C-alpha atoms as a PDB file:
ATOM      1  CA  UNK A   1       7.007   6.024  31.751  1.00  0.00           C
ATOM      2  CA  UNK A   2       5.763   4.828  28.372  1.00  0.00           C
ATOM      3  CA  UNK A   3       7.999   4.731  25.338  1.00  0.00           C
ATOM      4  CA  UNK A   4       8.182   7.730  23.010  1.00  0.00           C
ATOM      5  CA  UNK A   5       8.040   7.540  19.226  1.00  0.00           C
ATOM      6  CA  UNK A   6      11.469   7.718  17.597  1.00  0.00           C
ATOM      7  CA  UNK A   7      10.364   7.458  13.954  1.00  0.00           C
ATOM      8  CA  UNK A   8       7.566   6.762  11.516  1.00  0.00           C
ATOM      9  CA  UNK A   9       8.389   3.998   9.040  1.00  0.00           C
ATOM     10  CA  UNK A  10       6.590   3.038   5.829  1.00  0.00           C
ATOM     11  CA  UNK A  11       7.095  -0.291   4.066  1.00  0.00           C
ATOM     12  CA  UNK A  12       6.197  -0.822   0.390  1.00  0.00           C
ATOM     13  CA  UNK A  13       6.177  -4.052  -1.583  1.00  0.00           C
ATOM     14  CA  UNK A  14       5.853  -4.020  -5.374  1.00  0.00           C
ATOM     15  CA  UNK A  15       4.342  -6.640  -7.697  1.00  0.00           C
ATOM     16  CA  UNK A  16       7.792  -7.972  -8.617  1.00  0.00           C
ATOM     17  CA  UNK A  17       8.810  -8.519  -4.967  1.00  0.00           C
ATOM     18  CA  UNK A  18      10.963  -5.388  -4.599  1.00  0.00           C
ATOM     19  CA  UNK A  19      10.744  -3.939  -1.075  1.00  0.00           C
ATOM     20  CA  UNK A  20      11.245  -0.313  -0.089  1.00  0.00           C
ATOM     21  CA  UNK A  21      11.237   1.342   3.326  1.00  0.00           C
ATOM     22  CA  UNK A  22      11.220   5.023   4.104  1.00  0.00           C
ATOM     23  CA  UNK A  23      11.364   6.754   7.457  1.00  0.00           C
ATOM     24  CA  UNK A  24      10.996  10.089   9.188  1.00  0.00           C
ATOM     25  CA  UNK A  25      12.782  10.448  12.529  1.00  0.00           C
ATOM     26  CA  UNK A  26      11.845  12.783  15.367  1.00  0.00           C
ATOM     27  CA  UNK A  27      15.330  14.285  14.997  1.00  0.00           C
ATOM     28  CA  UNK A  28      14.486  15.523  11.515  1.00  0.00           C
ATOM     29  CA  UNK A  29      16.426  12.915   9.558  1.00  0.00           C
ATOM     30  CA  UNK A  30      14.560  10.994   6.888  1.00  0.00           C
ATOM     31  CA  UNK A  31      14.960   8.871   3.805  1.00  0.00           C
ATOM     32  CA  UNK A  32      17.035  10.737   1.233  1.00  0.00           C
ATOM     33  CA  UNK A  33      15.313  12.685  -1.519  1.00  0.00           C
ATOM     34  CA  UNK A  34      17.209  10.640  -4.118  1.00  0.00           C
ATOM     35  CA  UNK A  35      15.854   7.356  -2.708  1.00  0.00           C
ATOM     36  CA  UNK A  36      12.300   8.743  -2.548  1.00  0.00           C
ATOM     37  CA  UNK A  37      12.585   9.919  -6.147  1.00  0.00           C
ATOM     38  CA  UNK A  38      13.973   6.556  -7.248  1.00  0.00           C
ATOM     39  CA  UNK A  39      11.027   4.658  -5.772  1.00  0.00           C
ATOM     40  CA  UNK A  40       8.460   7.179  -6.989  1.00  0.00           C
ATOM     41  CA  UNK A  41       9.731   6.556 -10.515  1.00  0.00           C
ATOM     42  CA  UNK A  42       9.769   2.803  -9.878  1.00  0.00           C
ATOM     43  CA  UNK A  43       6.127   2.954  -8.694  1.00  0.00           C
ATOM     44  CA  UNK A  44       5.101   4.443 -12.044  1.00  0.00           C
ATOM     45  CA  UNK A  45       5.955   1.116 -13.698  1.00  0.00           C
ATOM     46  CA  UNK A  46       5.107  -1.326 -10.894  1.00  0.00           C
ATOM     47  CA  UNK A  47       2.043  -1.916  -8.738  1.00  0.00           C
ATOM     48  CA  UNK A  48       2.254  -1.577  -4.969  1.00  0.00           C
ATOM     49  CA  UNK A  49       0.817  -4.804  -3.524  1.00  0.00           C
ATOM     50  CA  UNK A  50       1.509  -4.153   0.164  1.00  0.00           C
ATOM     51  CA  UNK A  51       1.766  -0.894   2.098  1.00  0.00           C
ATOM     52  CA  UNK A  52       2.251  -0.635   5.870  1.00  0.00           C
ATOM     53  CA  UNK A  53       2.942   2.214   8.316  1.00  0.00           C
ATOM     54  CA  UNK A  54       4.616   1.780  11.682  1.00  0.00           C
ATOM     55  CA  UNK A  55       5.431   3.893  14.697  1.00  0.00           C
ATOM     56  CA  UNK A  56       8.892   2.889  15.903  1.00  0.00           C
ATOM     57  CA  UNK A  57       9.342   3.387  19.640  1.00  0.00           C
ATOM     58  CA  UNK A  58      12.601   4.263  21.411  1.00  0.00           C
ATOM     59  CA  UNK A  59      13.076   0.613  22.405  1.00  0.00           C
ATOM     60  CA  UNK A  60      12.804  -0.495  18.736  1.00  0.00           C
ATOM     61  CA  UNK A  61       9.289  -1.938  18.978  1.00  0.00           C
ATOM     62  CA  UNK A  62       7.229  -1.331  15.827  1.00  0.00           C
ATOM     63  CA  UNK A  63       3.527  -0.506  16.263  1.00  0.00           C
ATOM     64  CA  UNK A  64       1.384  -0.923  13.126  1.00  0.00           C
ATOM     65  CA  UNK A  65      -0.958   1.917  12.165  1.00  0.00           C
ATOM     66  CA  UNK A  66      -3.691   0.742   9.794  1.00  0.00           C
ATOM     67  CA  UNK A  67      -3.763   3.999   7.820  1.00  0.00           C
ATOM     68  CA  UNK A  68      -2.332   4.998   4.472  1.00  0.00           C
ATOM     69  CA  UNK A  69      -2.406   8.728   5.290  1.00  0.00           C
ATOM     70  CA  UNK A  70       0.761  10.349   6.640  1.00  0.00           C
ATOM     71  CA  UNK A  71       0.970  10.482  10.451  1.00  0.00           C
ATOM     72  CA  UNK A  72       2.416  13.726  11.874  1.00  0.00           C
ATOM     73  CA  UNK A  73       4.468  13.326  15.028  1.00  0.00           C
ATOM     74  CA  UNK A  74       3.280  15.343  18.031  1.00  0.00           C
ATOM     75  CA  UNK A  75       5.937  17.610  19.510  1.00  0.00           C
ATOM     76  CA  UNK A  76       6.109  15.573  22.757  1.00  0.00           C
ATOM     77  CA  UNK A  77       6.462  12.303  20.732  1.00  0.00           C
ATOM     78  CA  UNK A  78       3.614  10.610  22.649  1.00  0.00           C
ATOM     79  CA  UNK A  79       1.453  10.225  19.558  1.00  0.00           C
ATOM     80  CA  UNK A  80       0.640  11.212  16.005  1.00  0.00           C
ATOM     81  CA  UNK A  81      -1.972  13.256  14.176  1.00  0.00           C
ATOM     82  CA  UNK A  82      -3.600  11.657  11.119  1.00  0.00           C
ATOM     83  CA  UNK A  83      -5.786  13.652   8.704  1.00  0.00           C
ATOM     84  CA  UNK A  84      -7.969  11.285   6.660  1.00  0.00           C
ATOM     85  CA  UNK A  85      -8.746  11.626   2.972  1.00  0.00           C
ATOM     86  CA  UNK A  86     -12.330  11.736   1.738  1.00  0.00           C
ATOM     87  CA  UNK A  87     -12.239   8.001   0.942  1.00  0.00           C
ATOM     88  CA  UNK A  88      -9.995   5.311   2.429  1.00  0.00           C
ATOM     89  CA  UNK A  89      -7.365   3.873   0.089  1.00  0.00           C
ATOM     90  CA  UNK A  90      -7.168   0.174  -0.714  1.00  0.00           C
ATOM     91  CA  UNK A  91      -4.425  -0.075   1.926  1.00  0.00           C
ATOM     92  CA  UNK A  92      -6.451   1.586   4.716  1.00  0.00           C
ATOM     93  CA  UNK A  93      -8.769  -0.039   7.199  1.00  0.00           C
ATOM     94  CA  UNK A  94     -12.048   1.777   6.433  1.00  0.00           C
ATOM     95  CA  UNK A  95     -13.665   1.492   9.857  1.00  0.00           C
ATOM     96  CA  UNK A  96     -13.392   2.862  13.392  1.00  0.00           C
ATOM     97  CA  UNK A  97     -10.839   3.707  14.759  1.00  0.00           C
ATOM     98  CA  UNK A  98      -8.788   3.743  11.546  1.00  0.00           C
ATOM     99  CA  UNK A  99     -10.930   6.014   9.398  1.00  0.00           C
ATOM    100  CA  UNK A 100     -13.078   9.090  10.088  1.00  0.00           C
ATOM    101  CA  UNK A 101     -15.341  10.970   7.650  1.00  0.00           C
ATOM    102  CA  UNK A 102     -15.756  14.730   7.213  1.00  0.00           C
ATOM    103  CA  UNK A 103     -16.204  17.079   8.950  1.00  0.00           C
ATOM    104  CA  UNK A 104     -14.289  15.406  11.819  1.00  0.00           C
ATOM    105  CA  UNK A 105     -11.817  13.584   9.572  1.00  0.00           C
ATOM    106  CA  UNK A 106      -8.724  13.646  11.791  1.00  0.00           C
ATOM    107  CA  UNK A 107      -7.570  11.838  14.911  1.00  0.00           C
ATOM    108  CA  UNK A 108      -4.701  11.593  17.328  1.00  0.00           C
ATOM    109  CA  UNK A 109      -3.275   8.160  18.101  1.00  0.00           C
ATOM    110  CA  UNK A 110      -1.055   7.306  21.062  1.00  0.00           C
ATOM    111  CA  UNK A 111       2.430   5.823  20.703  1.00  0.00           C
ATOM    112  CA  UNK A 112       0.968   2.357  21.387  1.00  0.00           C
ATOM    113  CA  UNK A 113      -1.367   2.753  18.380  1.00  0.00           C
ATOM    114  CA  UNK A 114      -4.533   3.264  20.422  1.00  0.00           C
ATOM    115  CA  UNK A 115      -6.941   6.070  19.574  1.00  0.00           C
ATOM    116  CA  UNK A 116      -6.494   9.098  21.846  1.00  0.00           C
ATOM    117  CA  UNK A 117      -9.453  10.960  20.302  1.00  0.00           C
ATOM    118  CA  UNK A 118     -11.075  12.078  17.072  1.00  0.00           C
ATOM    119  CA  UNK A 119     -10.685  15.816  16.421  1.00  0.00           C
ATOM    120  CA  UNK A 120     -13.862  17.908  16.510  1.00  0.00           C
ATOM    121  CA  UNK A 121     -14.231  20.342  13.639  1.00  0.00           C
ATOM    122  CA  UNK A 122     -16.478  23.124  14.970  1.00  0.00           C
ATOM    123  CA  UNK A 123     -17.086  24.353  11.413  1.00  0.00           C
ATOM    124  CA  UNK A 124     -19.550  21.472  11.004  1.00  0.00           C
ATOM    125  CA  UNK A 125     -21.142  19.742   8.035  1.00  0.00           C
ATOM    126  CA  UNK A 126     -19.945  20.968   4.643  1.00  0.00           C
ATOM    127  CA  UNK A 127     -16.408  21.469   5.985  1.00  0.00           C
ATOM    128  CA  UNK A 128     -13.381  19.232   6.327  1.00  0.00           C
ATOM    129  CA  UNK A 129      -9.957  19.103   7.915  1.00  0.00           C
ATOM    130  CA  UNK A 130      -7.610  19.395   4.951  1.00  0.00           C
ATOM    131  CA  UNK A 131      -3.986  19.005   5.954  1.00  0.00           C
ATOM    132  CA  UNK A 132      -1.618  19.305   8.885  1.00  0.00           C
ATOM    133  CA  UNK A 133       0.204  22.630   9.079  1.00  0.00           C
ATOM    134  CA  UNK A 134       3.199  23.609  11.199  1.00  0.00           C
ATOM    135  CA  UNK A 135       3.069  27.223  12.295  1.00  0.00           C
ATOM    136  CA  UNK A 136       4.849  29.591  14.635  1.00  0.00           C
ATOM    137  CA  UNK A 137       2.962  31.034  17.597  1.00  0.00           C
ATOM    138  CA  UNK A 138       4.307  32.882  20.655  1.00  0.00           C
ATOM    139  CA  UNK A 139       5.932  30.398  23.024  1.00  0.00           C
ATOM    140  CA  UNK A 140       5.853  27.578  20.471  1.00  0.00           C
ATOM    141  CA  UNK A 141       7.908  28.017  17.294  1.00  0.00           C
ATOM    142  CA  UNK A 142       6.654  24.717  15.811  1.00  0.00           C
ATOM    143  CA  UNK A 143       2.984  24.449  16.766  1.00  0.00           C
ATOM    144  CA  UNK A 144       0.961  21.774  15.012  1.00  0.00           C
ATOM    145  CA  UNK A 145      -2.212  22.915  13.367  1.00  0.00           C
ATOM    146  CA  UNK A 146      -4.632  21.896  10.650  1.00  0.00           C
ATOM    147  CA  UNK A 147      -6.172  23.788   7.774  1.00  0.00           C
ATOM    148  CA  UNK A 148      -9.959  23.595   7.562  1.00  0.00           C
ATOM    149  CA  UNK A 149     -11.862  24.200   4.350  1.00  0.00           C
ATOM    150  CA  UNK A 150     -15.311  24.058   2.845  1.00  0.00           C
ATOM    151  CA  UNK A 151     -16.100  21.054   0.657  1.00  0.00           C
ATOM    152  CA  UNK A 152     -14.977  21.576  -2.944  1.00  0.00           C
ATOM    153  CA  UNK A 153     -12.584  24.377  -1.890  1.00  0.00           C
ATOM    154  CA  UNK A 154      -8.985  24.277  -0.693  1.00  0.00           C
ATOM    155  CA  UNK A 155      -8.470  24.273   3.098  1.00  0.00           C
ATOM    156  CA  UNK A 156      -7.744  27.816   4.263  1.00  0.00           C
ATOM    157  CA  UNK A 157      -8.516  28.494   7.929  1.00  0.00           C
ATOM    158  CA  UNK A 158      -5.771  27.634  10.426  1.00  0.00           C
ATOM    159  CA  UNK A 159      -6.736  25.890  13.662  1.00  0.00           C
ATOM    160  CA  UNK A 160      -4.260  24.747  16.311  1.00  0.00           C
ATOM    161  CA  UNK A 161      -4.276  21.182  17.611  1.00  0.00           C
ATOM    162  CA  UNK A 162      -4.151  20.630  21.380  1.00  0.00           C
ATOM    163  CA  UNK A 163      -2.764  17.102  21.910  1.00  0.00           C
ATOM    164  CA  UNK A 164      -4.816  16.867  25.123  1.00  0.00           C
ATOM    165  CA  UNK A 165      -8.197  17.955  23.734  1.00  0.00           C
ATOM    166  CA  UNK A 166     -10.285  16.991  20.695  1.00  0.00           C
ATOM    167  CA  UNK A 167     -11.438  20.602  20.174  1.00  0.00           C
ATOM    168  CA  UNK A 168      -9.604  22.593  17.523  1.00  0.00           C
ATOM    169  CA  UNK A 169      -8.414  26.060  18.550  1.00  0.00           C
ATOM    170  CA  UNK A 170      -9.334  28.805  16.028  1.00  0.00           C
ATOM    171  CA  UNK A 171      -6.562  31.260  15.191  1.00  0.00           C
ATOM    172  CA  UNK A 172      -8.458  33.556  12.825  1.00  0.00           C
ATOM    173  CA  UNK A 173      -5.593  33.131  10.340  1.00  0.00           C
ATOM    174  CA  UNK A 174      -6.320  32.539   6.693  1.00  0.00           C
ATOM    175  CA  UNK A 175      -3.617  30.565   4.884  1.00  0.00           C
ATOM    176  CA  UNK A 176      -3.284  30.483   1.100  1.00  0.00           C
ATOM    177  CA  UNK A 177      -0.945  27.999  -0.502  1.00  0.00           C
END
């Protein structure tokens, strides 16, 4: 059996050498709000010179993900969903398999960091996958979905993510936030 993901860790280094790490665990624990606030304020006065994301497996092994976007842990902990911004950041790797353009701008990566598949947005050109969205559906109180929108408009239509298929599942639900 392969290792499951126990947490997602982010490492920041600032121009003056200060290091900061934050984490989100599968158990729901994470870096404290006070620490996040402290470093957000610190980042307003200092430049981030290094930024790295890691999947931490149950055995403690850290797997580097070459993305700056937030990975969302799949419920079974075998991988993560990443929704890509319109343009890669200076800390991203702007090529396959670490960046995907609209309309299919999301992917699922396995716990070992390999690409499982790129999501297929059936809405097509002129649309984009906006953000991950946790929702409640019968039989699954914490289903992972994504909001899909039209370019230049906020994402609004909820689609469910099947961790075993690249095709998004339409729900017909319209979400305003």
